[in-house]
């Protein structure tokens, strides 16, 4: 479920960011926002997880410092199951949204400016031009990326989950990759974990084929 939540919350945000940046007339503001949102992508996963742990520390973290300031008890977020998924998704949004928006900005640069000029002459508002010109211009790119994302839905990743995981949040933070690591490498059940990996790959391929087929029927856009 973690990968499903991540896809739902992280996939639309680069599109929205790209649309907003494309409409920004101030070059300085646009470059500043791009730099701020692109930089987190180059932070290693280990450093990112360390920043999250420090930021949410119950003794010296920024969030808990504010909580203490308003007279409430501090919260050890990293040990609370109900917060773990949100922490994972928000940190993923912060790290990847800006970088992922680049491909949509490239798609928007291919939209014919004459369409905007004609729409402006016809009295279309900015919102109408975005909705009827820009959005259709990036739909093919968005659909292809969505299909590929669905083909990786069983592959949450290992490093970030493992680094944010502890014994108190294990019930929500355990995923296939961490289970395979603990069972296969630490437990030396190599054939068992190989079977898990094969099953994982089969599910990913099946989802990719299904979503690709649905997309070809609904929108006419497909990978193959």
C-alpha atoms as a PDB file:
ATOM      1  CA  UNK A   1       0.000   0.000   0.000  1.00  0.00           C
ATOM      2  CA  UNK A   2       2.922   2.352   0.606  1.00  0.00           C
ATOM      3  CA  UNK A   3       3.732   2.523  -3.098  1.00  0.00           C
ATOM      4  CA  UNK A   4       0.063   3.159  -3.929  1.00  0.00           C
ATOM      5  CA  UNK A   5      -0.115   6.058  -1.458  1.00  0.00           C
ATOM      6  CA  UNK A   6       3.166   7.421  -2.791  1.00  0.00           C
ATOM      7  CA  UNK A   7       1.903   7.278  -6.381  1.00  0.00           C
ATOM      8  CA  UNK A   8      -1.401   8.955  -5.509  1.00  0.00           C
ATOM      9  CA  UNK A   9       0.159  11.853  -3.607  1.00  0.00           C
ATOM     10  CA  UNK A  10       3.411  12.382  -5.516  1.00  0.00           C
ATOM     11  CA  UNK A  11       2.421  11.886  -9.153  1.00  0.00           C
ATOM     12  CA  UNK A  12       0.194  15.002  -9.644  1.00  0.00           C
ATOM     13  CA  UNK A  13       2.473  17.474  -7.850  1.00  0.00           C
ATOM     14  CA  UNK A  14       5.232  17.747 -10.504  1.00  0.00           C
ATOM     15  CA  UNK A  15       2.521  18.448 -13.072  1.00  0.00           C
ATOM     16  CA  UNK A  16       1.078  21.260 -10.952  1.00  0.00           C
ATOM     17  CA  UNK A  17       4.540  22.688 -10.283  1.00  0.00           C
ATOM     18  CA  UNK A  18       5.395  22.626 -13.992  1.00  0.00           C
ATOM     19  CA  UNK A  19       2.143  24.381 -14.899  1.00  0.00           C
ATOM     20  CA  UNK A  20       2.773  27.087 -12.287  1.00  0.00           C
ATOM     21  CA  UNK A  21       6.392  27.601 -13.342  1.00  0.00           C
ATOM     22  CA  UNK A  22       5.342  27.796 -16.973  1.00  0.00           C
ATOM     23  CA  UNK A  23       2.937  30.629 -16.131  1.00  0.00           C
ATOM     24  CA  UNK A  24       5.475  32.567 -14.058  1.00  0.00           C
ATOM     25  CA  UNK A  25       6.504  35.704 -15.915  1.00  0.00           C
ATOM     26  CA  UNK A  26       9.307  36.724 -13.545  1.00  0.00           C
ATOM     27  CA  UNK A  27      12.496  34.995 -14.702  1.00  0.00           C
ATOM     28  CA  UNK A  28      14.162  35.580 -11.316  1.00  0.00           C
ATOM     29  CA  UNK A  29      11.261  34.036  -9.398  1.00  0.00           C
ATOM     30  CA  UNK A  30      11.089  31.099 -11.801  1.00  0.00           C
ATOM     31  CA  UNK A  31      14.811  30.351 -11.534  1.00  0.00           C
ATOM     32  CA  UNK A  32      14.730  30.716  -7.749  1.00  0.00           C
ATOM     33  CA  UNK A  33      11.838  28.282  -7.355  1.00  0.00           C
ATOM     34  CA  UNK A  34      13.470  25.845  -9.766  1.00  0.00           C
ATOM     35  CA  UNK A  35      16.756  25.902  -7.861  1.00  0.00           C
ATOM     36  CA  UNK A  36      15.031  25.451  -4.503  1.00  0.00           C
ATOM     37  CA  UNK A  37      12.950  22.523  -5.740  1.00  0.00           C
ATOM     38  CA  UNK A  38      15.719  20.833  -7.758  1.00  0.00           C
ATOM     39  CA  UNK A  39      18.421  20.826  -5.072  1.00  0.00           C
ATOM     40  CA  UNK A  40      16.794  18.193  -2.774  1.00  0.00           C
ATOM     41  CA  UNK A  41      17.044  15.627  -5.592  1.00  0.00           C
ATOM     42  CA  UNK A  42      20.838  15.666  -5.243  1.00  0.00           C
ATOM     43  CA  UNK A  43      20.764  14.971  -1.507  1.00  0.00           C
ATOM     44  CA  UNK A  44      21.635  11.329  -0.855  1.00  0.00           C
ATOM     45  CA  UNK A  45      19.022   9.090   0.734  1.00  0.00           C
ATOM     46  CA  UNK A  46      21.181   8.585   3.826  1.00  0.00           C
ATOM     47  CA  UNK A  47      21.532  12.332   4.384  1.00  0.00           C
ATOM     48  CA  UNK A  48      17.825  12.867   3.691  1.00  0.00           C
ATOM     49  CA  UNK A  49      16.792  10.288   6.286  1.00  0.00           C
ATOM     50  CA  UNK A  50      19.229  11.794   8.777  1.00  0.00           C
ATOM     51  CA  UNK A  51      17.661  15.204   8.205  1.00  0.00           C
ATOM     52  CA  UNK A  52      14.178  13.759   8.734  1.00  0.00           C
ATOM     53  CA  UNK A  53      15.206  12.113  12.006  1.00  0.00           C
ATOM     54  CA  UNK A  54      16.839  15.310  13.289  1.00  0.00           C
ATOM     55  CA  UNK A  55      13.937  17.477  12.121  1.00  0.00           C
ATOM     56  CA  UNK A  56      11.422  15.272  13.956  1.00  0.00           C
ATOM     57  CA  UNK A  57      13.538  14.627  17.038  1.00  0.00           C
ATOM     58  CA  UNK A  58      11.420  14.736  20.222  1.00  0.00           C
ATOM     59  CA  UNK A  59      14.160  16.621  22.078  1.00  0.00           C
ATOM     60  CA  UNK A  60      15.534  19.140  19.586  1.00  0.00           C
ATOM     61  CA  UNK A  61      13.496  18.841  16.378  1.00  0.00           C
ATOM     62  CA  UNK A  62      11.873  21.900  14.818  1.00  0.00           C
ATOM     63  CA  UNK A  63       8.361  20.429  14.930  1.00  0.00           C
ATOM     64  CA  UNK A  64       8.592  19.397  18.564  1.00  0.00           C
ATOM     65  CA  UNK A  65      10.167  22.719  19.522  1.00  0.00           C
ATOM     66  CA  UNK A  66       7.047  24.409  18.157  1.00  0.00           C
ATOM     67  CA  UNK A  67       4.815  21.890  19.949  1.00  0.00           C
ATOM     68  CA  UNK A  68       6.580  22.667  23.239  1.00  0.00           C
ATOM     69  CA  UNK A  69       6.244  26.372  22.523  1.00  0.00           C
ATOM     70  CA  UNK A  70       2.448  26.099  22.473  1.00  0.00           C
ATOM     71  CA  UNK A  71       2.456  24.098  25.694  1.00  0.00           C
ATOM     72  CA  UNK A  72       1.826  20.603  24.326  1.00  0.00           C
ATOM     73  CA  UNK A  73       3.662  17.348  24.964  1.00  0.00           C
ATOM     74  CA  UNK A  74       6.304  16.387  22.433  1.00  0.00           C
ATOM     75  CA  UNK A  75       5.680  13.551  19.982  1.00  0.00           C
ATOM     76  CA  UNK A  76       8.228  10.947  18.943  1.00  0.00           C
ATOM     77  CA  UNK A  77       7.035  10.825  15.343  1.00  0.00           C
ATOM     78  CA  UNK A  78       9.461   8.132  14.219  1.00  0.00           C
ATOM     79  CA  UNK A  79       8.048   5.612  16.680  1.00  0.00           C
ATOM     80  CA  UNK A  80       4.366   6.301  15.958  1.00  0.00           C
ATOM     81  CA  UNK A  81       2.852   4.026  13.325  1.00  0.00           C
ATOM     82  CA  UNK A  82       0.165   6.542  12.358  1.00  0.00           C
ATOM     83  CA  UNK A  83       2.773   9.113  11.255  1.00  0.00           C
ATOM     84  CA  UNK A  84       5.254   6.902   9.423  1.00  0.00           C
ATOM     85  CA  UNK A  85       3.578   6.772   6.012  1.00  0.00           C
ATOM     86  CA  UNK A  86       3.037  10.541   6.034  1.00  0.00           C
ATOM     87  CA  UNK A  87       6.698  11.101   6.899  1.00  0.00           C
ATOM     88  CA  UNK A  88       7.787   8.829   4.062  1.00  0.00           C
ATOM     89  CA  UNK A  89       5.493  10.432   1.479  1.00  0.00           C
ATOM     90  CA  UNK A  90       6.192  14.052   2.479  1.00  0.00           C
ATOM     91  CA  UNK A  91       9.954  13.488   2.382  1.00  0.00           C
ATOM     92  CA  UNK A  92       9.558  11.859  -1.039  1.00  0.00           C
ATOM     93  CA  UNK A  93       7.557  14.853  -2.262  1.00  0.00           C
ATOM     94  CA  UNK A  94      10.237  17.245  -1.024  1.00  0.00           C
ATOM     95  CA  UNK A  95      13.044  15.284  -2.665  1.00  0.00           C
ATOM     96  CA  UNK A  96      11.555  14.444  -6.052  1.00  0.00           C
ATOM     97  CA  UNK A  97       8.794  16.898  -7.008  1.00  0.00           C
ATOM     98  CA  UNK A  98      11.052  19.583  -8.457  1.00  0.00           C
ATOM     99  CA  UNK A  99      13.220  17.187 -10.423  1.00  0.00           C
ATOM    100  CA  UNK A 100      10.209  15.293 -11.786  1.00  0.00           C
ATOM    101  CA  UNK A 101       8.687  18.546 -13.046  1.00  0.00           C
ATOM    102  CA  UNK A 102      11.514  19.013 -15.581  1.00  0.00           C
ATOM    103  CA  UNK A 103      10.043  16.566 -18.081  1.00  0.00           C
ATOM    104  CA  UNK A 104       6.663  18.321 -17.903  1.00  0.00           C
ATOM    105  CA  UNK A 105       8.306  21.706 -18.430  1.00  0.00           C
ATOM    106  CA  UNK A 106       9.971  20.230 -21.504  1.00  0.00           C
ATOM    107  CA  UNK A 107       6.581  19.026 -22.741  1.00  0.00           C
ATOM    108  CA  UNK A 108       5.069  22.470 -22.125  1.00  0.00           C
ATOM    109  CA  UNK A 109       7.847  24.099 -24.132  1.00  0.00           C
ATOM    110  CA  UNK A 110       6.573  22.127 -27.122  1.00  0.00           C
ATOM    111  CA  UNK A 111       3.107  23.690 -26.958  1.00  0.00           C
ATOM    112  CA  UNK A 112       2.555  26.016 -29.924  1.00  0.00           C
ATOM    113  CA  UNK A 113       2.569  29.664 -28.677  1.00  0.00           C
ATOM    114  CA  UNK A 114       0.148  30.572 -31.466  1.00  0.00           C
ATOM    115  CA  UNK A 115      -2.537  28.570 -29.670  1.00  0.00           C
ATOM    116  CA  UNK A 116      -2.173  30.859 -26.650  1.00  0.00           C
ATOM    117  CA  UNK A 117      -2.207  33.952 -28.843  1.00  0.00           C
ATOM    118  CA  UNK A 118      -5.375  32.827 -30.602  1.00  0.00           C
ATOM    119  CA  UNK A 119      -7.041  31.953 -27.289  1.00  0.00           C
ATOM    120  CA  UNK A 120      -6.051  35.337 -25.832  1.00  0.00           C
ATOM    121  CA  UNK A 121      -7.554  37.144 -28.825  1.00  0.00           C
ATOM    122  CA  UNK A 122     -10.753  35.131 -28.379  1.00  0.00           C
ATOM    123  CA  UNK A 123     -10.966  36.344 -24.773  1.00  0.00           C
ATOM    124  CA  UNK A 124      -9.887  33.175 -22.960  1.00  0.00           C
ATOM    125  CA  UNK A 125      -8.704  33.692 -19.391  1.00  0.00           C
ATOM    126  CA  UNK A 126      -5.385  32.380 -18.119  1.00  0.00           C
ATOM    127  CA  UNK A 127      -7.106  29.471 -16.354  1.00  0.00           C
ATOM    128  CA  UNK A 128      -8.969  28.563 -19.535  1.00  0.00           C
ATOM    129  CA  UNK A 129      -5.762  28.656 -21.560  1.00  0.00           C
ATOM    130  CA  UNK A 130      -4.003  26.428 -19.046  1.00  0.00           C
ATOM    131  CA  UNK A 131      -6.871  23.938 -18.953  1.00  0.00           C
ATOM    132  CA  UNK A 132      -7.584  23.779 -22.683  1.00  0.00           C
ATOM    133  CA  UNK A 133      -4.071  24.227 -24.128  1.00  0.00           C
ATOM    134  CA  UNK A 134      -1.339  23.395 -21.608  1.00  0.00           C
ATOM    135  CA  UNK A 135      -2.990  20.434 -19.907  1.00  0.00           C
ATOM    136  CA  UNK A 136      -3.782  18.619 -23.187  1.00  0.00           C
ATOM    137  CA  UNK A 137      -0.208  19.355 -24.251  1.00  0.00           C
ATOM    138  CA  UNK A 138       1.283  17.381 -21.364  1.00  0.00           C
ATOM    139  CA  UNK A 139      -1.305  14.602 -21.120  1.00  0.00           C
ATOM    140  CA  UNK A 140       0.657  12.198 -23.402  1.00  0.00           C
ATOM    141  CA  UNK A 141       3.782  12.641 -21.263  1.00  0.00           C
ATOM    142  CA  UNK A 142       1.821  12.273 -18.024  1.00  0.00           C
ATOM    143  CA  UNK A 143       0.061   9.121 -19.227  1.00  0.00           C
ATOM    144  CA  UNK A 144       3.306   7.449 -20.296  1.00  0.00           C
ATOM    145  CA  UNK A 145       4.960   8.266 -16.973  1.00  0.00           C
ATOM    146  CA  UNK A 146       1.905   7.004 -15.101  1.00  0.00           C
ATOM    147  CA  UNK A 147       2.020   3.707 -17.000  1.00  0.00           C
ATOM    148  CA  UNK A 148       5.696   3.269 -16.123  1.00  0.00           C
ATOM    149  CA  UNK A 149       5.012   4.176 -12.489  1.00  0.00           C
ATOM    150  CA  UNK A 150       2.309   1.508 -12.301  1.00  0.00           C
ATOM    151  CA  UNK A 151       4.869  -0.978 -13.605  1.00  0.00           C
ATOM    152  CA  UNK A 152       7.020  -0.246 -10.555  1.00  0.00           C
ATOM    153  CA  UNK A 153       4.275  -0.245  -7.959  1.00  0.00           C
ATOM    154  CA  UNK A 154       5.642  -3.327  -6.185  1.00  0.00           C
ATOM    155  CA  UNK A 155       9.125  -1.822  -6.031  1.00  0.00           C
ATOM    156  CA  UNK A 156       9.029   0.687  -3.197  1.00  0.00           C
ATOM    157  CA  UNK A 157      12.774   0.707  -2.748  1.00  0.00           C
ATOM    158  CA  UNK A 158      15.001  -0.367   0.101  1.00  0.00           C
ATOM    159  CA  UNK A 159      17.302   2.356   1.383  1.00  0.00           C
ATOM    160  CA  UNK A 160      14.846   4.997   2.521  1.00  0.00           C
ATOM    161  CA  UNK A 161      12.382   2.551   4.066  1.00  0.00           C
ATOM    162  CA  UNK A 162      15.132   0.699   5.912  1.00  0.00           C
ATOM    163  CA  UNK A 163      16.739   3.886   7.229  1.00  0.00           C
ATOM    164  CA  UNK A 164      13.423   5.252   8.548  1.00  0.00           C
ATOM    165  CA  UNK A 165      12.382   1.898   9.970  1.00  0.00           C
ATOM    166  CA  UNK A 166      12.581   0.863  13.609  1.00  0.00           C
ATOM    167  CA  UNK A 167      11.043  -1.826  15.795  1.00  0.00           C
ATOM    168  CA  UNK A 168       8.184   0.433  16.904  1.00  0.00           C
ATOM    169  CA  UNK A 169       6.936   1.315  13.408  1.00  0.00           C
ATOM    170  CA  UNK A 170       7.687  -2.067  11.853  1.00  0.00           C
ATOM    171  CA  UNK A 171       4.049  -3.015  11.314  1.00  0.00           C
ATOM    172  CA  UNK A 172       3.586  -0.206   8.759  1.00  0.00           C
ATOM    173  CA  UNK A 173       7.161   0.208   7.487  1.00  0.00           C
ATOM    174  CA  UNK A 174       7.934  -3.379   6.518  1.00  0.00           C
ATOM    175  CA  UNK A 175       7.878  -3.741   2.726  1.00  0.00           C
ATOM    176  CA  UNK A 176       8.921  -6.496   0.345  1.00  0.00           C
ATOM    177  CA  UNK A 177      12.455  -5.161  -0.159  1.00  0.00           C
ATOM    178  CA  UNK A 178      13.213  -4.968   3.575  1.00  0.00           C
ATOM    179  CA  UNK A 179      11.584  -8.352   4.159  1.00  0.00           C
ATOM    180  CA  UNK A 180      13.715  -9.891   1.412  1.00  0.00           C
ATOM    181  CA  UNK A 181      16.849  -8.348   2.926  1.00  0.00           C
ATOM    182  CA  UNK A 182      16.116  -9.673   6.396  1.00  0.00           C
ATOM    183  CA  UNK A 183      14.935 -13.085   5.243  1.00  0.00           C
ATOM    184  CA  UNK A 184      17.301 -13.667   2.344  1.00  0.00           C
ATOM    185  CA  UNK A 185      20.576 -12.037   3.346  1.00  0.00           C
ATOM    186  CA  UNK A 186      20.344 -12.136   7.116  1.00  0.00           C
ATOM    187  CA  UNK A 187      18.315 -15.355   7.315  1.00  0.00           C
ATOM    188  CA  UNK A 188      20.172 -17.059   4.438  1.00  0.00           C
ATOM    189  CA  UNK A 189      16.939 -18.200   2.720  1.00  0.00           C
ATOM    190  CA  UNK A 190      18.188 -17.422  -0.748  1.00  0.00           C
ATOM    191  CA  UNK A 191      15.850 -19.631  -2.785  1.00  0.00           C
ATOM    192  CA  UNK A 192      12.815 -18.332  -0.894  1.00  0.00           C
ATOM    193  CA  UNK A 193      13.693 -14.700  -1.508  1.00  0.00           C
ATOM    194  CA  UNK A 194      14.485 -15.453  -5.169  1.00  0.00           C
ATOM    195  CA  UNK A 195      10.929 -16.742  -5.504  1.00  0.00           C
ATOM    196  CA  UNK A 196       9.657 -13.536  -3.867  1.00  0.00           C
ATOM    197  CA  UNK A 197      11.670 -11.475  -6.339  1.00  0.00           C
ATOM    198  CA  UNK A 198      10.248 -13.431  -9.274  1.00  0.00           C
ATOM    199  CA  UNK A 199       6.704 -12.993  -7.953  1.00  0.00           C
ATOM    200  CA  UNK A 200       7.367  -9.278  -7.471  1.00  0.00           C
ATOM    201  CA  UNK A 201       8.561  -8.916 -11.061  1.00  0.00           C
ATOM    202  CA  UNK A 202       5.573 -10.843 -12.426  1.00  0.00           C
ATOM    203  CA  UNK A 203       3.147  -8.546 -10.588  1.00  0.00           C
ATOM    204  CA  UNK A 204       4.940  -5.458 -11.905  1.00  0.00           C
ATOM    205  CA  UNK A 205       4.889  -6.722 -15.499  1.00  0.00           C
ATOM    206  CA  UNK A 206       1.227  -7.718 -15.212  1.00  0.00           C
ATOM    207  CA  UNK A 207       0.255  -4.293 -13.865  1.00  0.00           C
ATOM    208  CA  UNK A 208       2.263  -2.602 -16.606  1.00  0.00           C
ATOM    209  CA  UNK A 209       0.491  -4.598 -19.314  1.00  0.00           C
ATOM    210  CA  UNK A 210      -2.958  -4.026 -17.797  1.00  0.00           C
ATOM    211  CA  UNK A 211      -2.528  -0.270 -17.342  1.00  0.00           C
ATOM    212  CA  UNK A 212      -0.960   0.042 -20.794  1.00  0.00           C
ATOM    213  CA  UNK A 213      -3.936  -1.784 -22.332  1.00  0.00           C
ATOM    214  CA  UNK A 214      -6.460   0.360 -20.443  1.00  0.00           C
ATOM    215  CA  UNK A 215      -4.629   3.524 -21.497  1.00  0.00           C
ATOM    216  CA  UNK A 216      -4.626   2.474 -25.151  1.00  0.00           C
ATOM    217  CA  UNK A 217      -8.387   1.899 -25.009  1.00  0.00           C
ATOM    218  CA  UNK A 218      -9.241   5.079 -23.088  1.00  0.00           C
ATOM    219  CA  UNK A 219      -6.797   7.645 -24.450  1.00  0.00           C
ATOM    220  CA  UNK A 220      -5.038   5.977 -27.367  1.00  0.00           C
ATOM    221  CA  UNK A 221      -1.696   6.544 -25.617  1.00  0.00           C
ATOM    222  CA  UNK A 222       0.449   3.507 -24.849  1.00  0.00           C
ATOM    223  CA  UNK A 223       4.032   2.439 -24.335  1.00  0.00           C
ATOM    224  CA  UNK A 224       3.903  -0.383 -26.874  1.00  0.00           C
END
